[in-house]
Amino acid sequence: MSALASLAEVGFDLTTLTTGELESRSPIDGRVLARLPRISRAQYDATVARSAEAFQAWRAVPAPRRGELVRLFGEAVRHHKPALAELITLEVGKIGSEAAGEVQEVIDICDFAVGLSRQLYGLTIASERKHHHMLERWQPLGPVGIITAFNFPMAVWCWNAALALVCGDTVLWKPSEKTPLTALALHRVLESVIANFADAPVGLSALLHGDRPVGEWLAEDTRLPLISATGSTRMGRDVGVKVAGRFGRTLLELGGNNAMIVSPTAAEDLAVRAITFAAAGTAGQRCTTLRRLYVHDSRYDAIMTRLKRAYGSLRVGSPQGADTLVGPLVDAAAFEAMQTALAAAKAAGGIVHHGERVHVAGLDGGYYVRPALVELAGPIEVSLKETFAPILYVFRYSTIEEAIAANNAVTQGLSSSLITQNLSEAELFLSAEGSDCGIANINIGPSGAEIGGAFGGEKETGGGRESGSDAWKAYMRRQTQTVNYSATLPLAQGVKFDIE
């Protein structure tokens, strides 16, 4: 029996989702899983109005009580974890362990947010005036618009929503049009918790199914002080300009073109495993996927020999198979983009290993590929861009300074890593003279970030930070407060302004 049956408890039934303009297609075999209606402009406006009204009530609920709602949601997700993971596999094509890992991220960020609900700390600041004190407090911000991508259809929304909810905000979620089912199922779980939570107002969280116009409505809506958007750099540039034009805030998580450096002292087994998972995991469809590899001259031949062997033996197939490591690309467009990039690399003199389509019996509608290795003498146009597919460009280097410069010589700045046993090299890579990315790792790959650290990057990656650390501050407004507990009115900076 399918694990999806458990979702009937929250009113999610795949067999009833048969009408609407949005098609959900499974990357496994290309079949239509369901059809859902798009939200109309009138429905959108009414939903945002409810969200704005709900904010008036939710901001007054004590933060630990708001945390209790998120705690209950996390428990409900635990209960439905197998079903939610199965749905991710069906709609995104992730292998079972990666799908379950994504649902675990939802649970983990809920746990983090519950603790945070008692730690929304401000400051007490010394005043220069007698009988005065100053405070810095963080206040709820307002309704938050969240736009998510297909590749992490549950976790990234919850990175935002769990924090926003404990911070006193209401949330409006526009998921990728490629993954409406996963969004609907997870949101139904939240709605079931909200329905039984006395302090939760109507309109606390809303789901907005649609495509590009819905994202544009969110970006242009002055009722929404913050828009958090995950996707391509092109999308982020459009959203950023629209939101800035109305003096709103953005939290942007955009493209990545992540690199790894393998030094002369690298542990070879560790390096090969880290490279292979980071470059081929999720069929190369992570924003933190490894896309550029710099191997020291002294280790290049040995590392490449092992990588070619590893890539040739990767088990490509249905993500529902127990031994599969690489599932399908999300759709035909992703496959075509990969083949175009490989053709460009070959035309520029690159040596291409693998990258071909793999036939999987009975699944002809799916786009399965063997991850590709491309050996290059130096950077070329296509290697400086992000192709959302499992292509790894491999280069030689001679000095650590040369490799760090190459790591930084792209317009994106999300994640990076160095494999080394040399302490001086590691510290240089982590210093101000090292990686210019938002994430820098030693002896692990660039992918697989934990929720405890702030996630995000620099340059065309957008500059946003989600999830852990003090990322919660993005969902609140800072207020400086001064209290005079005397009967006189001394002015700051010694200003005199005496009146009769």
Protein backbone atom coordinates (compact mmCIF):
# COMPACT_ATOMS: atom_id res chain seq x y z
CA MET A 1 0.00 0.00 0.00
CA SER A 2 1.32 3.46 -0.89
CA ALA A 3 2.48 5.68 1.95
CA LEU A 4 0.43 8.47 0.34
CA ALA A 5 -2.69 7.02 1.98
CA SER A 6 -1.73 8.70 5.26
CA LEU A 7 -2.27 12.12 3.66
CA ALA A 8 -6.00 11.40 3.46
CA GLU A 9 -6.00 12.40 7.13
CA VAL A 10 -5.34 16.00 6.07
CA GLY A 11 -7.65 15.95 3.04
CA PHE A 12 -5.05 15.24 0.36
CA ASP A 13 -6.27 12.73 -2.22
CA LEU A 14 -4.38 12.50 -5.50
CA THR A 15 -7.30 10.87 -7.31
CA THR A 16 -9.49 13.94 -6.85
CA LEU A 17 -7.03 16.39 -8.42
CA THR A 18 -8.15 16.08 -12.02
CA THR A 19 -9.23 19.55 -13.15
CA GLY A 20 -7.29 22.74 -13.67
CA GLU A 21 -4.73 24.42 -15.90
CA LEU A 22 -1.61 23.40 -13.95
CA GLU A 23 -0.31 19.94 -14.85
CA SER A 24 1.90 18.03 -12.45
CA ARG A 25 4.06 15.60 -14.44
CA SER A 26 6.29 12.96 -12.92
CA PRO A 27 9.92 13.09 -14.10
CA ILE A 28 10.00 9.33 -13.57
CA ASP A 29 8.00 8.56 -16.72
CA GLY A 30 6.48 11.85 -17.88
CA ARG A 31 2.92 10.92 -16.93
CA VAL A 32 0.46 13.48 -15.61
CA LEU A 33 -0.01 12.99 -11.89
CA ALA A 34 -2.70 15.61 -11.35
CA ARG A 35 -4.21 18.86 -12.56
CA LEU A 36 -4.80 21.85 -10.31
CA PRO A 37 -6.42 25.25 -10.90
CA ARG A 38 -4.40 28.46 -11.04
CA ILE A 39 -5.34 31.23 -8.65
CA SER A 40 -7.14 34.17 -10.29
CA ARG A 41 -6.24 37.80 -9.67
CA ALA A 42 -9.44 38.32 -7.68
CA GLN A 43 -8.69 35.26 -5.54
CA TYR A 44 -5.14 36.47 -5.05
CA ASP A 45 -6.24 39.90 -3.83
CA ALA A 46 -8.75 38.39 -1.42
CA THR A 47 -6.10 35.99 -0.08
CA VAL A 48 -3.56 38.76 0.54
CA ALA A 49 -6.24 40.85 2.27
CA ARG A 50 -6.96 37.92 4.63
CA SER A 51 -3.24 37.51 5.26
CA ALA A 52 -2.86 41.20 6.13
CA GLU A 53 -5.82 40.99 8.51
CA ALA A 54 -4.48 37.81 10.09
CA PHE A 55 -1.15 39.54 10.72
CA GLN A 56 -2.89 42.07 12.96
CA ALA A 57 -3.89 39.23 15.29
CA TRP A 58 -0.87 36.92 14.93
CA ARG A 59 1.71 39.60 15.82
CA ALA A 60 0.04 39.97 19.23
CA VAL A 61 0.31 36.24 20.05
CA PRO A 62 3.32 35.67 22.36
CA ALA A 63 6.31 34.30 20.45
CA PRO A 64 6.58 31.07 22.49
CA ARG A 65 2.94 30.39 21.71
CA ARG A 66 3.67 30.96 18.02
CA GLY A 67 6.50 28.48 18.46
CA GLU A 68 4.02 25.93 19.79
CA LEU A 69 2.16 26.04 16.48
CA VAL A 70 5.39 25.32 14.62
CA ARG A 71 6.21 22.52 17.07
CA LEU A 72 2.88 20.87 16.34
CA PHE A 73 3.45 21.27 12.62
CA GLY A 74 6.85 19.58 12.92
CA GLU A 75 5.25 16.68 14.77
CA ALA A 76 2.60 16.36 12.07
CA VAL A 77 5.32 16.28 9.39
CA ARG A 78 7.09 13.52 11.33
CA HIS A 79 3.87 11.53 11.23
CA HIS A 80 3.51 11.98 7.47
CA LYS A 81 7.22 11.77 6.59
CA PRO A 82 7.00 8.58 4.46
CA ALA A 83 4.07 9.95 2.45
CA LEU A 84 5.66 13.35 1.90
CA ALA A 85 8.94 11.73 0.83
CA GLU A 86 7.11 9.46 -1.60
CA LEU A 87 5.39 12.47 -3.12
CA ILE A 88 8.72 14.27 -3.60
CA THR A 89 10.06 11.21 -5.42
CA LEU A 90 6.98 11.10 -7.64
CA GLU A 91 6.92 14.78 -8.53
CA VAL A 92 10.61 15.77 -8.43
CA GLY A 93 12.37 12.47 -9.17
CA LYS A 94 14.60 12.38 -6.09
CA ILE A 95 15.84 9.02 -4.92
CA GLY A 96 14.29 7.77 -1.69
CA SER A 97 17.04 8.79 0.73
CA GLU A 98 17.26 12.31 -0.69
CA ALA A 99 13.47 12.72 -0.62
CA ALA A 100 13.35 11.56 3.00
CA GLY A 101 16.27 13.86 3.76
CA GLU A 102 14.34 16.83 2.44
CA VAL A 103 11.35 16.07 4.65
CA GLN A 104 13.78 15.74 7.56
CA GLU A 105 14.97 19.27 6.78
CA VAL A 106 11.37 20.45 7.26
CA ILE A 107 11.28 18.73 10.64
CA ASP A 108 14.69 20.08 11.64
CA ILE A 109 13.89 23.70 10.81
CA CYS A 110 10.68 23.40 12.81
CA ASP A 111 12.74 22.22 15.79
CA PHE A 112 15.13 25.14 15.27
CA ALA A 113 12.28 27.64 15.02
CA VAL A 114 10.62 26.36 18.21
CA GLY A 115 13.78 27.11 20.18
CA LEU A 116 14.10 30.44 18.40
CA SER A 117 10.62 31.46 19.57
CA ARG A 118 12.12 32.01 23.03
CA GLN A 119 15.29 33.69 21.74
CA LEU A 120 14.18 36.67 19.64
CA TYR A 121 16.68 38.74 21.55
CA GLY A 122 17.17 42.49 21.33
CA LEU A 123 19.70 44.72 23.11
CA THR A 124 19.89 47.09 26.05
CA ILE A 125 22.00 50.10 25.08
CA ALA A 126 23.66 52.60 27.44
CA SER A 127 22.28 56.12 27.06
CA GLU A 128 24.39 59.27 27.23
CA ARG A 129 21.53 60.97 29.08
CA LYS A 130 20.90 60.66 32.79
CA HIS A 131 17.83 58.66 33.76
CA HIS A 132 17.39 57.29 30.25
CA HIS A 133 17.90 53.86 28.79
CA MET A 134 17.79 52.61 25.24
CA LEU A 135 16.51 49.35 23.81
CA GLU A 136 16.75 47.60 20.48
CA ARG A 137 13.74 45.38 19.86
CA TRP A 138 12.68 43.22 16.97
CA GLN A 139 9.04 43.45 15.92
CA PRO A 140 6.95 41.31 13.53
CA LEU A 141 7.27 42.55 9.96
CA GLY A 142 4.03 41.66 8.14
CA PRO A 143 2.79 39.23 5.48
CA VAL A 144 5.73 37.51 3.77
CA GLY A 145 5.61 36.28 0.16
CA ILE A 146 7.62 33.10 -0.48
CA ILE A 147 8.49 31.92 -4.01
CA THR A 148 10.15 28.49 -4.23
CA ALA A 149 11.83 26.38 -6.92
CA PHE A 150 11.11 22.79 -7.96
CA ASN A 151 14.29 21.15 -6.70
CA PHE A 152 13.57 21.55 -2.97
CA PRO A 153 9.79 21.85 -3.08
CA MET A 154 9.22 21.52 0.68
CA ALA A 155 12.39 22.37 2.61
CA VAL A 156 13.07 25.86 1.26
CA TRP A 157 9.49 27.00 1.93
CA CYS A 158 9.77 25.78 5.50
CA TRP A 159 13.15 27.47 5.99
CA ASN A 160 11.20 30.67 5.44
CA ALA A 161 7.77 29.83 6.81
CA ALA A 162 8.84 28.30 10.14
CA LEU A 163 10.95 31.34 10.97
CA ALA A 164 8.38 33.84 9.69
CA LEU A 165 5.62 32.25 11.76
CA VAL A 166 7.56 32.36 15.04
CA CYS A 167 8.59 35.93 14.23
CA GLY A 168 4.90 36.91 14.11
CA ASP A 169 4.44 37.12 10.34
CA THR A 170 1.83 35.56 8.10
CA VAL A 171 2.96 33.70 4.97
CA LEU A 172 1.88 33.38 1.33
CA TRP A 173 3.50 30.61 -0.70
CA LYS A 174 3.87 30.55 -4.47
CA PRO A 175 5.48 27.16 -5.26
CA SER A 176 7.05 26.19 -8.56
CA GLU A 177 4.45 25.35 -11.19
CA LYS A 178 6.42 22.09 -11.66
CA THR A 179 5.72 20.92 -8.10
CA PRO A 180 2.18 21.90 -7.09
CA LEU A 181 1.39 18.55 -5.46
CA THR A 182 4.21 18.54 -2.94
CA ALA A 183 3.27 22.08 -1.96
CA LEU A 184 -0.40 21.21 -1.62
CA ALA A 185 0.29 18.15 0.53
CA LEU A 186 2.66 19.94 2.91
CA HIS A 187 0.37 22.93 3.19
CA ARG A 188 -2.59 20.66 3.95
CA VAL A 189 -0.55 19.30 6.88
CA LEU A 190 -0.02 22.83 8.15
CA GLU A 191 -3.68 23.73 7.64
CA SER A 192 -4.72 20.71 9.71
CA VAL A 193 -2.57 22.00 12.58
CA ILE A 194 -3.82 25.58 12.21
CA ALA A 195 -7.44 24.40 12.26
CA ASN A 196 -6.95 22.99 15.76
CA PHE A 197 -4.86 25.85 17.15
CA ALA A 198 -7.04 28.35 19.00
CA ASP A 199 -4.70 31.34 18.58
CA ALA A 200 -4.23 30.91 14.82
CA PRO A 201 -6.27 33.45 12.80
CA VAL A 202 -7.92 32.70 9.47
CA GLY A 203 -5.46 33.52 6.68
CA LEU A 204 -2.31 32.74 8.68
CA SER A 205 -0.82 30.79 5.77
CA ALA A 206 -1.95 30.57 2.15
CA LEU A 207 -0.96 28.65 -0.98
CA LEU A 208 -0.98 30.47 -4.34
CA HIS A 209 -0.84 28.05 -7.27
CA GLY A 210 0.16 29.62 -10.57
CA ASP A 211 3.05 30.55 -12.81
CA ARG A 212 5.00 33.72 -13.58
CA PRO A 213 2.13 36.25 -13.20
CA VAL A 214 1.54 35.18 -9.58
CA GLY A 215 5.20 35.85 -8.79
CA GLU A 216 4.88 39.27 -10.41
CA TRP A 217 1.78 40.06 -8.32
CA LEU A 218 3.70 39.22 -5.16
CA ALA A 219 6.71 41.30 -6.19
CA GLU A 220 4.58 44.35 -6.95
CA ASP A 221 2.26 44.09 -3.91
CA THR A 222 2.88 46.91 -1.42
CA ARG A 223 1.03 44.94 1.27
CA LEU A 224 3.97 42.51 1.43
CA PRO A 225 7.05 44.01 3.11
CA LEU A 226 9.26 41.02 2.31
CA ILE A 227 9.54 38.72 -0.70
CA SER A 228 11.75 35.65 -0.35
CA ALA A 229 12.46 34.14 -3.77
CA THR A 230 14.46 31.06 -4.73
CA GLY A 231 15.26 30.36 -8.37
CA SER A 232 17.36 31.53 -11.29
CA THR A 233 19.41 34.71 -11.35
CA ARG A 234 17.17 35.98 -14.17
CA MET A 235 14.10 35.52 -12.01
CA GLY A 236 15.79 37.14 -9.02
CA ARG A 237 16.81 40.16 -11.03
CA ASP A 238 13.19 40.72 -12.11
CA VAL A 239 11.84 40.23 -8.58
CA GLY A 240 14.54 42.35 -6.98
CA VAL A 241 13.92 45.34 -9.24
CA LYS A 242 10.14 45.22 -8.76
CA VAL A 243 10.34 44.91 -4.97
CA ALA A 244 13.03 47.59 -4.66
CA GLY A 245 10.89 49.91 -6.77
CA ARG A 246 8.30 49.94 -4.00
CA PHE A 247 10.93 50.01 -1.18
CA GLY A 248 10.15 46.47 -0.10
CA ARG A 249 12.71 43.94 1.09
CA THR A 250 13.96 40.86 -0.74
CA LEU A 251 15.62 37.68 0.39
CA LEU A 252 17.08 36.17 -2.78
CA GLU A 253 18.54 32.66 -3.18
CA LEU A 254 19.59 32.44 -6.81
CA GLY A 255 22.10 30.69 -9.05
CA GLY A 256 25.21 28.82 -7.99
CA ASN A 257 28.30 27.75 -9.94
CA ASN A 258 30.07 25.98 -7.12
CA ALA A 259 33.68 24.85 -7.10
CA MET A 260 35.89 22.40 -5.24
CA ILE A 261 39.67 22.47 -4.99
CA VAL A 262 41.58 19.19 -4.51
CA SER A 263 45.00 19.94 -3.06
CA PRO A 264 48.21 17.88 -3.15
CA THR A 265 47.55 16.61 0.38
CA ALA A 266 43.89 15.63 -0.20
CA ALA A 267 42.69 12.27 1.13
CA GLU A 268 41.85 10.55 -2.15
CA ASP A 269 38.96 8.35 -1.02
CA LEU A 270 37.31 11.29 0.71
CA ALA A 271 37.83 13.53 -2.32
CA VAL A 272 36.36 11.08 -4.85
CA ARG A 273 33.31 10.42 -2.70
CA ALA A 274 32.76 14.13 -2.00
CA ILE A 275 33.11 15.03 -5.68
CA THR A 276 30.78 12.32 -6.91
CA PHE A 277 27.97 13.02 -4.46
CA ALA A 278 28.21 16.80 -4.82
CA ALA A 279 28.27 16.69 -8.62
CA ALA A 280 25.90 13.79 -9.38
CA GLY A 281 23.54 13.78 -6.40
CA THR A 282 19.96 14.93 -7.15
CA ALA A 283 20.93 14.53 -10.82
CA GLY A 284 22.88 17.79 -10.54
CA GLN A 285 19.74 19.75 -9.69
CA ARG A 286 20.81 21.45 -6.46
CA CYS A 287 21.78 25.10 -6.24
CA THR A 288 24.82 23.81 -4.29
CA THR A 289 25.73 21.14 -6.88
CA LEU A 290 29.45 20.93 -7.64
CA ARG A 291 29.95 22.27 -11.16
CA ARG A 292 33.67 23.17 -11.32
CA LEU A 293 36.56 21.05 -10.02
CA TYR A 294 40.17 22.26 -9.69
CA VAL A 295 42.67 19.43 -9.15
CA HIS A 296 46.35 19.98 -8.41
CA ASP A 297 48.71 18.86 -11.18
CA SER A 298 50.26 16.23 -8.92
CA ARG A 299 46.88 14.55 -8.24
CA TYR A 300 45.05 15.13 -11.51
CA ASP A 301 45.66 11.81 -13.28
CA ALA A 302 44.89 9.67 -10.24
CA ILE A 303 41.73 11.60 -9.35
CA MET A 304 40.44 11.60 -12.92
CA THR A 305 41.04 7.85 -13.29
CA ARG A 306 38.94 7.16 -10.23
CA LEU A 307 36.24 9.68 -11.18
CA LYS A 308 35.81 8.16 -14.62
CA ARG A 309 35.43 4.76 -13.03
CA ALA A 310 32.97 6.06 -10.44
CA TYR A 311 30.90 7.92 -13.02
CA GLY A 312 30.78 4.88 -15.26
CA SER A 313 29.41 2.74 -12.44
CA LEU A 314 26.80 5.16 -11.04
CA ARG A 315 23.41 3.46 -10.90
CA VAL A 316 21.09 5.57 -13.05
CA GLY A 317 17.40 4.67 -13.05
CA SER A 318 14.01 5.05 -11.47
CA PRO A 319 14.25 6.92 -8.17
CA GLN A 320 11.86 4.34 -6.77
CA GLY A 321 14.53 1.66 -7.19
CA ALA A 322 16.29 0.73 -3.96
CA ASP A 323 19.80 0.82 -5.47
CA THR A 324 19.43 3.91 -7.69
CA LEU A 325 21.82 6.81 -7.04
CA VAL A 326 20.90 9.11 -9.96
CA GLY A 327 17.26 9.66 -10.88
CA PRO A 328 15.83 11.63 -13.81
CA LEU A 329 16.17 15.24 -14.82
CA VAL A 330 13.02 17.19 -14.12
CA ASP A 331 11.90 17.49 -17.76
CA ALA A 332 12.86 17.65 -21.43
CA ALA A 333 14.00 21.27 -21.17
CA ALA A 334 16.58 20.29 -18.54
CA PHE A 335 17.88 17.50 -20.77
CA GLU A 336 18.11 19.81 -23.79
CA ALA A 337 19.98 22.44 -21.76
CA MET A 338 22.47 19.78 -20.65
CA GLN A 339 23.08 18.55 -24.19
CA THR A 340 23.50 22.10 -25.47
CA ALA A 341 26.09 22.81 -22.78
CA LEU A 342 28.02 19.61 -23.54
CA ALA A 343 28.03 20.39 -27.27
CA ALA A 344 29.39 23.88 -26.53
CA ALA A 345 32.10 22.42 -24.29
CA LYS A 346 33.12 19.91 -26.96
CA ALA A 347 33.19 22.65 -29.62
CA ALA A 348 35.50 24.69 -27.38
CA GLY A 349 37.97 21.80 -27.13
CA GLY A 350 36.71 20.10 -23.99
CA ILE A 351 37.02 16.35 -23.54
CA VAL A 352 33.56 15.05 -22.63
CA HIS A 353 33.06 11.81 -20.72
CA HIS A 354 29.49 10.49 -20.52
CA GLY A 355 26.46 12.79 -20.43
CA GLU A 356 24.39 10.57 -22.70
CA ARG A 357 20.72 9.73 -22.22
CA VAL A 358 20.16 6.43 -20.44
CA HIS A 359 17.31 4.15 -21.47
CA VAL A 360 15.33 2.85 -18.48
CA ALA A 361 12.94 0.07 -19.39
CA GLY A 362 9.31 1.10 -19.17
CA LEU A 363 10.17 4.74 -18.39
CA ASP A 364 10.68 6.18 -21.88
CA GLY A 365 8.95 9.42 -20.89
CA GLY A 366 11.62 10.20 -18.30
CA TYR A 367 14.89 11.99 -19.06
CA TYR A 368 17.63 9.91 -17.50
CA VAL A 369 21.28 10.78 -18.12
CA ARG A 370 24.67 9.57 -17.05
CA PRO A 371 26.42 12.46 -15.24
CA ALA A 372 29.13 14.08 -17.36
CA LEU A 373 32.77 14.93 -16.75
CA VAL A 374 34.29 17.60 -18.99
CA GLU A 375 38.06 18.15 -18.98
CA LEU A 376 39.05 21.70 -19.90
CA ALA A 377 42.36 23.51 -20.24
CA GLY A 378 40.82 26.72 -18.95
CA PRO A 379 37.49 28.44 -18.39
CA ILE A 380 35.12 28.75 -21.34
CA GLU A 381 31.82 30.58 -21.66
CA VAL A 382 29.63 27.61 -20.78
CA SER A 383 31.66 26.73 -17.66
CA LEU A 384 31.12 30.22 -16.27
CA LYS A 385 27.35 29.71 -16.28
CA GLU A 386 25.10 27.42 -14.27
CA THR A 387 23.53 24.58 -16.22
CA PHE A 388 21.04 22.86 -13.92
CA ALA A 389 22.16 19.33 -14.78
CA PRO A 390 24.95 16.91 -13.76
CA ILE A 391 27.92 18.40 -15.63
CA LEU A 392 31.27 18.71 -13.87
CA TYR A 393 33.97 20.83 -15.53
CA VAL A 394 37.46 19.73 -14.45
CA PHE A 395 40.62 21.87 -14.54
CA ARG A 396 44.25 21.56 -13.44
CA TYR A 397 45.96 24.08 -11.16
CA SER A 398 49.47 24.67 -9.83
CA THR A 399 49.19 26.95 -6.76
CA ILE A 400 46.52 27.41 -4.13
CA GLU A 401 46.36 31.12 -4.93
CA GLU A 402 45.64 30.28 -8.57
CA ALA A 403 42.88 27.86 -7.55
CA ILE A 404 41.23 30.33 -5.16
CA ALA A 405 41.25 32.99 -7.90
CA ALA A 406 39.56 30.52 -10.25
CA ASN A 407 37.01 29.61 -7.57
CA ASN A 408 36.09 33.29 -7.30
CA ALA A 409 36.16 34.09 -11.03
CA VAL A 410 32.45 33.57 -11.70
CA THR A 411 29.48 35.85 -11.19
CA GLN A 412 27.84 33.51 -8.68
CA GLY A 413 28.97 33.10 -5.07
CA LEU A 414 27.00 30.42 -3.28
CA SER A 415 29.12 27.49 -2.08
CA SER A 416 32.72 26.28 -2.28
CA SER A 417 35.02 23.68 -0.81
CA LEU A 418 38.65 22.66 -0.42
CA ILE A 419 39.88 19.10 0.15
CA THR A 420 43.22 19.29 1.96
CA GLN A 421 45.27 18.14 4.95
CA ASN A 422 47.32 21.35 4.81
CA LEU A 423 46.29 23.68 7.64
CA SER A 424 47.78 26.77 5.99
CA GLU A 425 45.84 26.15 2.78
CA ALA A 426 42.62 25.56 4.73
CA GLU A 427 43.00 28.75 6.72
CA LEU A 428 43.82 30.77 3.59
CA PHE A 429 40.71 29.42 1.86
CA LEU A 430 38.57 30.45 4.86
CA SER A 431 40.19 33.88 5.23
CA ALA A 432 39.26 37.24 3.71
CA GLU A 433 41.71 36.38 0.91
CA GLY A 434 40.01 33.06 0.24
CA SER A 435 36.64 31.95 -1.07
CA ASP A 436 34.21 34.80 -1.79
CA CYS A 437 31.17 32.55 -1.41
CA GLY A 438 28.50 32.57 1.28
CA ILE A 439 29.46 28.98 2.16
CA ALA A 440 33.03 27.70 2.40
CA ASN A 441 33.81 24.10 3.42
CA ILE A 442 36.91 22.10 4.24
CA ASN A 443 37.01 18.36 3.51
CA ILE A 444 33.36 18.14 2.48
CA GLY A 445 31.67 19.04 -0.78
CA PRO A 446 29.77 22.27 -1.45
CA SER A 447 26.34 20.62 -1.11
CA GLY A 448 24.48 19.23 1.89
CA ALA A 449 24.20 22.34 4.09
CA GLU A 450 22.79 21.93 7.60
CA ILE A 451 19.89 24.04 8.86
CA GLY A 452 21.85 25.45 11.82
CA GLY A 453 23.95 27.72 9.61
CA ALA A 454 22.67 30.66 7.59
CA PHE A 455 22.26 29.53 3.97
CA GLY A 456 22.91 31.83 1.04
CA GLY A 457 25.50 33.45 -1.18
CA GLU A 458 27.05 36.58 -2.63
CA LYS A 459 27.15 38.35 -6.00
CA GLU A 460 24.52 37.03 -8.45
CA THR A 461 23.44 34.43 -5.89
CA GLY A 462 21.47 37.31 -4.38
CA GLY A 463 22.94 37.95 -0.95
CA GLY A 464 20.06 36.46 1.04
CA ARG A 465 20.36 34.22 4.09
CA GLU A 466 17.79 31.62 5.14
CA SER A 467 17.46 28.94 7.79
CA GLY A 468 19.83 29.07 10.78
CA SER A 469 22.07 31.48 12.68
CA ASP A 470 20.46 34.95 12.82
CA ALA A 471 18.59 34.62 9.51
CA TRP A 472 15.40 35.23 11.53
CA LYS A 473 16.16 38.95 11.52
CA ALA A 474 15.14 39.16 7.85
CA TYR A 475 11.55 38.45 8.91
CA MET A 476 11.37 41.20 11.52
CA ARG A 477 11.81 44.95 11.75
CA ARG A 478 14.38 46.52 14.06
CA GLN A 479 13.18 49.27 16.39
CA THR A 480 15.37 51.48 18.58
CA GLN A 481 13.52 52.64 21.70
CA THR A 482 14.43 55.27 24.28
CA VAL A 483 12.85 55.52 27.73
CA ASN A 484 13.15 58.61 29.92
CA TYR A 485 12.24 57.77 33.51
CA SER A 486 12.92 61.26 34.91
CA ALA A 487 10.83 64.43 35.06
CA THR A 488 13.34 66.43 33.00
CA LEU A 489 14.21 66.43 29.31
CA PRO A 490 17.94 66.51 28.66
CA LEU A 491 18.74 66.49 24.92
CA ALA A 492 21.27 64.25 23.23
CA GLN A 493 24.73 65.50 22.20
CA GLY A 494 24.47 68.31 24.78
CA VAL A 495 22.02 70.35 22.71
CA LYS A 496 20.44 73.27 24.61
CA PHE A 497 16.93 74.38 23.70
CA ASP A 498 15.46 76.21 26.68
CA ILE A 499 11.97 77.67 26.52
CA GLU A 500 9.90 79.63 29.06
